[in-house]
Amino acid sequence: MTKILLAGILLAAILLIRMNMSLSIEKIEDYKTSCDSGNTIACKKLGLIYYAGRGVKQDDLKAVELYTKACNGGEATACSSLGFMYRNGIGVKRDNLKAIKFYTKACNAGNTPGCRILGIMYAKKENLIIEYN
């Protein structure tokens, strides 16, 4: 009797996991369709999905592509995410000037984390720009 009960619980757990996975895949497909239609929020969320490898094969290049599309559409969080990718060389060649460009765009659009990191980069002189007066 105990073995039958445990087998039933195991089967129910497997079915629940499969249901969650299929919902995840379905949601990812919804994001892809929305992103392709110009929904910048969907592009940003899809970028995070690829960056984290949640329900898809982890792909930093795809994340950068999707964050770029979202950022170009005015999605401030995606701009901040691009700044992070460039500052840390994730999916792209490390480039502090591009990181500053994207953090500035994020900050100008009201993204507080983008402003904070931009301030840190300037305080640490990570911009690598030398101005001569």
C-alpha atoms as a PDB file:
ATOM      1  CA  MET A   1       0.000   0.000   0.000  1.00  0.00           C
ATOM      2  CA  THR A   2       2.817   2.419   0.877  1.00  0.00           C
ATOM      3  CA  LYS A   3       4.599   1.652  -2.415  1.00  0.00           C
ATOM      4  CA  ILE A   4       1.439   2.402  -4.390  1.00  0.00           C
ATOM      5  CA  LEU A   5       0.963   5.689  -2.523  1.00  0.00           C
ATOM      6  CA  LEU A   6       4.608   6.714  -3.131  1.00  0.00           C
ATOM      7  CA  ALA A   7       4.340   5.758  -6.802  1.00  0.00           C
ATOM      8  CA  GLY A   8       1.192   7.895  -7.094  1.00  0.00           C
ATOM      9  CA  ILE A   9       2.881  10.873  -5.457  1.00  0.00           C
ATOM     10  CA  LEU A  10       5.893  10.469  -7.745  1.00  0.00           C
ATOM     11  CA  LEU A  11       3.666  10.272 -10.824  1.00  0.00           C
ATOM     12  CA  ALA A  12       1.733  13.369  -9.741  1.00  0.00           C
ATOM     13  CA  ALA A  13       5.006  15.254  -9.179  1.00  0.00           C
ATOM     14  CA  ILE A  14       6.268  14.271 -12.628  1.00  0.00           C
ATOM     15  CA  LEU A  15       3.013  15.403 -14.244  1.00  0.00           C
ATOM     16  CA  LEU A  16       3.109  18.733 -12.389  1.00  0.00           C
ATOM     17  CA  ILE A  17       6.704  19.317 -13.474  1.00  0.00           C
ATOM     18  CA  ARG A  18       5.822  18.540 -17.088  1.00  0.00           C
ATOM     19  CA  MET A  19       2.821  20.875 -16.903  1.00  0.00           C
ATOM     20  CA  ASN A  20       5.041  23.686 -15.579  1.00  0.00           C
ATOM     21  CA  MET A  21       7.621  23.019 -18.298  1.00  0.00           C
ATOM     22  CA  SER A  22       5.012  23.137 -21.045  1.00  0.00           C
ATOM     23  CA  LEU A  23       3.589  26.363 -19.629  1.00  0.00           C
ATOM     24  CA  SER A  24       7.108  27.747 -19.602  1.00  0.00           C
ATOM     25  CA  ILE A  25       7.689  26.796 -23.234  1.00  0.00           C
ATOM     26  CA  GLU A  26       4.291  28.219 -24.142  1.00  0.00           C
ATOM     27  CA  LYS A  27       5.124  31.477 -22.349  1.00  0.00           C
ATOM     28  CA  ILE A  28       8.487  31.686 -24.120  1.00  0.00           C
ATOM     29  CA  GLU A  29       6.733  31.282 -27.466  1.00  0.00           C
ATOM     30  CA  ASP A  30       4.317  34.059 -26.473  1.00  0.00           C
ATOM     31  CA  TYR A  31       7.271  36.333 -25.655  1.00  0.00           C
ATOM     32  CA  LYS A  32       8.914  35.513 -29.007  1.00  0.00           C
ATOM     33  CA  THR A  33       5.726  36.339 -30.910  1.00  0.00           C
ATOM     34  CA  SER A  34       5.225  39.573 -28.958  1.00  0.00           C
ATOM     35  CA  CYS A  35       8.859  40.600 -29.354  1.00  0.00           C
ATOM     36  CA  ASP A  36       8.730  39.952 -33.100  1.00  0.00           C
ATOM     37  CA  SER A  37       5.647  42.205 -33.188  1.00  0.00           C
ATOM     38  CA  GLY A  38       7.574  45.052 -31.557  1.00  0.00           C
ATOM     39  CA  ASN A  39       6.659  44.590 -27.888  1.00  0.00           C
ATOM     40  CA  THR A  40       9.834  45.845 -26.161  1.00  0.00           C
ATOM     41  CA  ILE A  41       8.827  44.497 -22.745  1.00  0.00           C
ATOM     42  CA  ALA A  42       8.563  41.004 -24.239  1.00  0.00           C
ATOM     43  CA  CYS A  43      11.992  41.446 -25.859  1.00  0.00           C
ATOM     44  CA  LYS A  44      13.472  42.465 -22.500  1.00  0.00           C
ATOM     45  CA  LYS A  45      11.907  39.483 -20.720  1.00  0.00           C
ATOM     46  CA  LEU A  46      13.040  37.135 -23.464  1.00  0.00           C
ATOM     47  CA  GLY A  47      16.555  38.560 -23.166  1.00  0.00           C
ATOM     48  CA  LEU A  48      16.540  37.684 -19.479  1.00  0.00           C
ATOM     49  CA  ILE A  49      15.286  34.185 -20.261  1.00  0.00           C
ATOM     50  CA  TYR A  50      18.202  33.612 -22.655  1.00  0.00           C
ATOM     51  CA  TYR A  51      20.704  35.219 -20.272  1.00  0.00           C
ATOM     52  CA  ALA A  52      19.577  32.940 -17.444  1.00  0.00           C
ATOM     53  CA  GLY A  53      18.959  29.874 -19.613  1.00  0.00           C
ATOM     54  CA  ARG A  54      15.439  29.376 -18.221  1.00  0.00           C
ATOM     55  CA  GLY A  55      13.515  27.023 -20.491  1.00  0.00           C
ATOM     56  CA  VAL A  56      15.976  27.628 -23.339  1.00  0.00           C
ATOM     57  CA  LYS A  57      19.646  26.949 -23.954  1.00  0.00           C
ATOM     58  CA  GLN A  58      21.614  29.716 -22.220  1.00  0.00           C
ATOM     59  CA  ASP A  59      22.797  32.168 -24.905  1.00  0.00           C
ATOM     60  CA  ASP A  60      24.511  35.458 -24.032  1.00  0.00           C
ATOM     61  CA  LEU A  61      24.639  36.580 -27.679  1.00  0.00           C
ATOM     62  CA  LYS A  62      20.884  36.121 -28.041  1.00  0.00           C
ATOM     63  CA  ALA A  63      20.359  37.997 -24.767  1.00  0.00           C
ATOM     64  CA  VAL A  64      22.431  40.930 -26.076  1.00  0.00           C
ATOM     65  CA  GLU A  65      20.450  40.913 -29.334  1.00  0.00           C
ATOM     66  CA  LEU A  66      17.128  40.983 -27.481  1.00  0.00           C
ATOM     67  CA  TYR A  67      18.245  43.597 -24.930  1.00  0.00           C
ATOM     68  CA  THR A  68      19.448  45.764 -27.827  1.00  0.00           C
ATOM     69  CA  LYS A  69      16.080  45.508 -29.562  1.00  0.00           C
ATOM     70  CA  ALA A  70      14.280  46.391 -26.327  1.00  0.00           C
ATOM     71  CA  CYS A  71      16.685  49.227 -25.469  1.00  0.00           C
ATOM     72  CA  ASN A  72      16.343  50.729 -28.948  1.00  0.00           C
ATOM     73  CA  GLY A  73      12.593  50.663 -28.338  1.00  0.00           C
ATOM     74  CA  GLY A  74      12.978  52.700 -25.151  1.00  0.00           C
ATOM     75  CA  GLU A  75      12.978  49.929 -22.534  1.00  0.00           C
ATOM     76  CA  ALA A  76      15.234  51.423 -19.825  1.00  0.00           C
ATOM     77  CA  THR A  77      15.855  48.181 -17.913  1.00  0.00           C
ATOM     78  CA  ALA A  78      17.090  46.541 -21.121  1.00  0.00           C
ATOM     79  CA  CYS A  79      19.524  49.448 -21.598  1.00  0.00           C
ATOM     80  CA  SER A  80      20.834  48.886 -18.083  1.00  0.00           C
ATOM     81  CA  SER A  81      21.163  45.157 -18.801  1.00  0.00           C
ATOM     82  CA  LEU A  82      23.180  45.986 -21.928  1.00  0.00           C
ATOM     83  CA  GLY A  83      25.417  48.220 -19.844  1.00  0.00           C
ATOM     84  CA  PHE A  84      26.002  45.279 -17.522  1.00  0.00           C
ATOM     85  CA  MET A  85      26.820  42.966 -20.429  1.00  0.00           C
ATOM     86  CA  TYR A  86      29.351  45.412 -21.906  1.00  0.00           C
ATOM     87  CA  ARG A  87      30.886  46.337 -18.549  1.00  0.00           C
ATOM     88  CA  ASN A  88      31.491  42.667 -17.749  1.00  0.00           C
ATOM     89  CA  GLY A  89      32.199  41.332 -21.247  1.00  0.00           C
ATOM     90  CA  ILE A  90      29.258  38.930 -21.264  1.00  0.00           C
ATOM     91  CA  GLY A  91      28.275  37.954 -24.793  1.00  0.00           C
ATOM     92  CA  VAL A  92      30.245  40.908 -26.145  1.00  0.00           C
ATOM     93  CA  LYS A  93      33.774  42.256 -25.937  1.00  0.00           C
ATOM     94  CA  ARG A  94      34.233  44.196 -22.716  1.00  0.00           C
ATOM     95  CA  ASP A  95      33.775  47.888 -23.503  1.00  0.00           C
ATOM     96  CA  ASN A  96      33.331  50.450 -20.731  1.00  0.00           C
ATOM     97  CA  LEU A  97      32.502  53.238 -23.183  1.00  0.00           C
ATOM     98  CA  LYS A  98      29.563  51.254 -24.557  1.00  0.00           C
ATOM     99  CA  ALA A  99      28.578  50.312 -21.009  1.00  0.00           C
ATOM    100  CA  ILE A 100      28.499  54.003 -20.104  1.00  0.00           C
ATOM    101  CA  LYS A 101      26.439  54.742 -23.226  1.00  0.00           C
ATOM    102  CA  PHE A 102      23.803  52.188 -22.224  1.00  0.00           C
ATOM    103  CA  TYR A 103      23.815  53.082 -18.516  1.00  0.00           C
ATOM    104  CA  THR A 104      23.395  56.750 -19.502  1.00  0.00           C
ATOM    105  CA  LYS A 105      20.468  55.876 -21.756  1.00  0.00           C
ATOM    106  CA  ALA A 106      18.935  53.835 -18.923  1.00  0.00           C
ATOM    107  CA  CYS A 107      19.515  56.606 -16.398  1.00  0.00           C
ATOM    108  CA  ASN A 108      18.046  59.271 -18.671  1.00  0.00           C
ATOM    109  CA  ALA A 109      14.945  57.094 -18.986  1.00  0.00           C
ATOM    110  CA  GLY A 110      14.595  56.933 -15.191  1.00  0.00           C
ATOM    111  CA  ASN A 111      16.276  53.599 -14.431  1.00  0.00           C
ATOM    112  CA  THR A 112      17.692  54.090 -10.923  1.00  0.00           C
ATOM    113  CA  PRO A 113      20.104  51.108 -10.998  1.00  0.00           C
ATOM    114  CA  GLY A 114      21.498  52.429 -14.288  1.00  0.00           C
ATOM    115  CA  CYS A 115      22.109  55.829 -12.690  1.00  0.00           C
ATOM    116  CA  ARG A 116      23.763  54.248  -9.662  1.00  0.00           C
ATOM    117  CA  ILE A 117      26.144  52.106 -11.695  1.00  0.00           C
ATOM    118  CA  LEU A 118      26.900  55.007 -14.023  1.00  0.00           C
ATOM    119  CA  GLY A 119      27.887  57.069 -10.979  1.00  0.00           C
ATOM    120  CA  ILE A 120      30.103  54.262  -9.707  1.00  0.00           C
ATOM    121  CA  MET A 121      31.807  53.945 -13.093  1.00  0.00           C
ATOM    122  CA  TYR A 122      32.541  57.667 -13.206  1.00  0.00           C
ATOM    123  CA  ALA A 123      33.738  57.674  -9.595  1.00  0.00           C
ATOM    124  CA  LYS A 124      36.120  54.807 -10.387  1.00  0.00           C
ATOM    125  CA  LYS A 125      37.134  56.530 -13.643  1.00  0.00           C
ATOM    126  CA  GLU A 126      36.055  53.467 -15.603  1.00  0.00           C
ATOM    127  CA  ASN A 127      35.064  55.636 -18.545  1.00  0.00           C
ATOM    128  CA  LEU A 128      38.667  55.726 -19.788  1.00  0.00           C
ATOM    129  CA  ILE A 129      38.079  59.164 -21.260  1.00  0.00           C
ATOM    130  CA  ILE A 130      40.727  61.766 -20.600  1.00  0.00           C
ATOM    131  CA  GLU A 131      39.598  65.314 -21.140  1.00  0.00           C
ATOM    132  CA  TYR A 132      42.149  68.000 -21.864  1.00  0.00           C
ATOM    133  CA  ASN A 133      41.190  71.602 -21.046  1.00  0.00           C
END
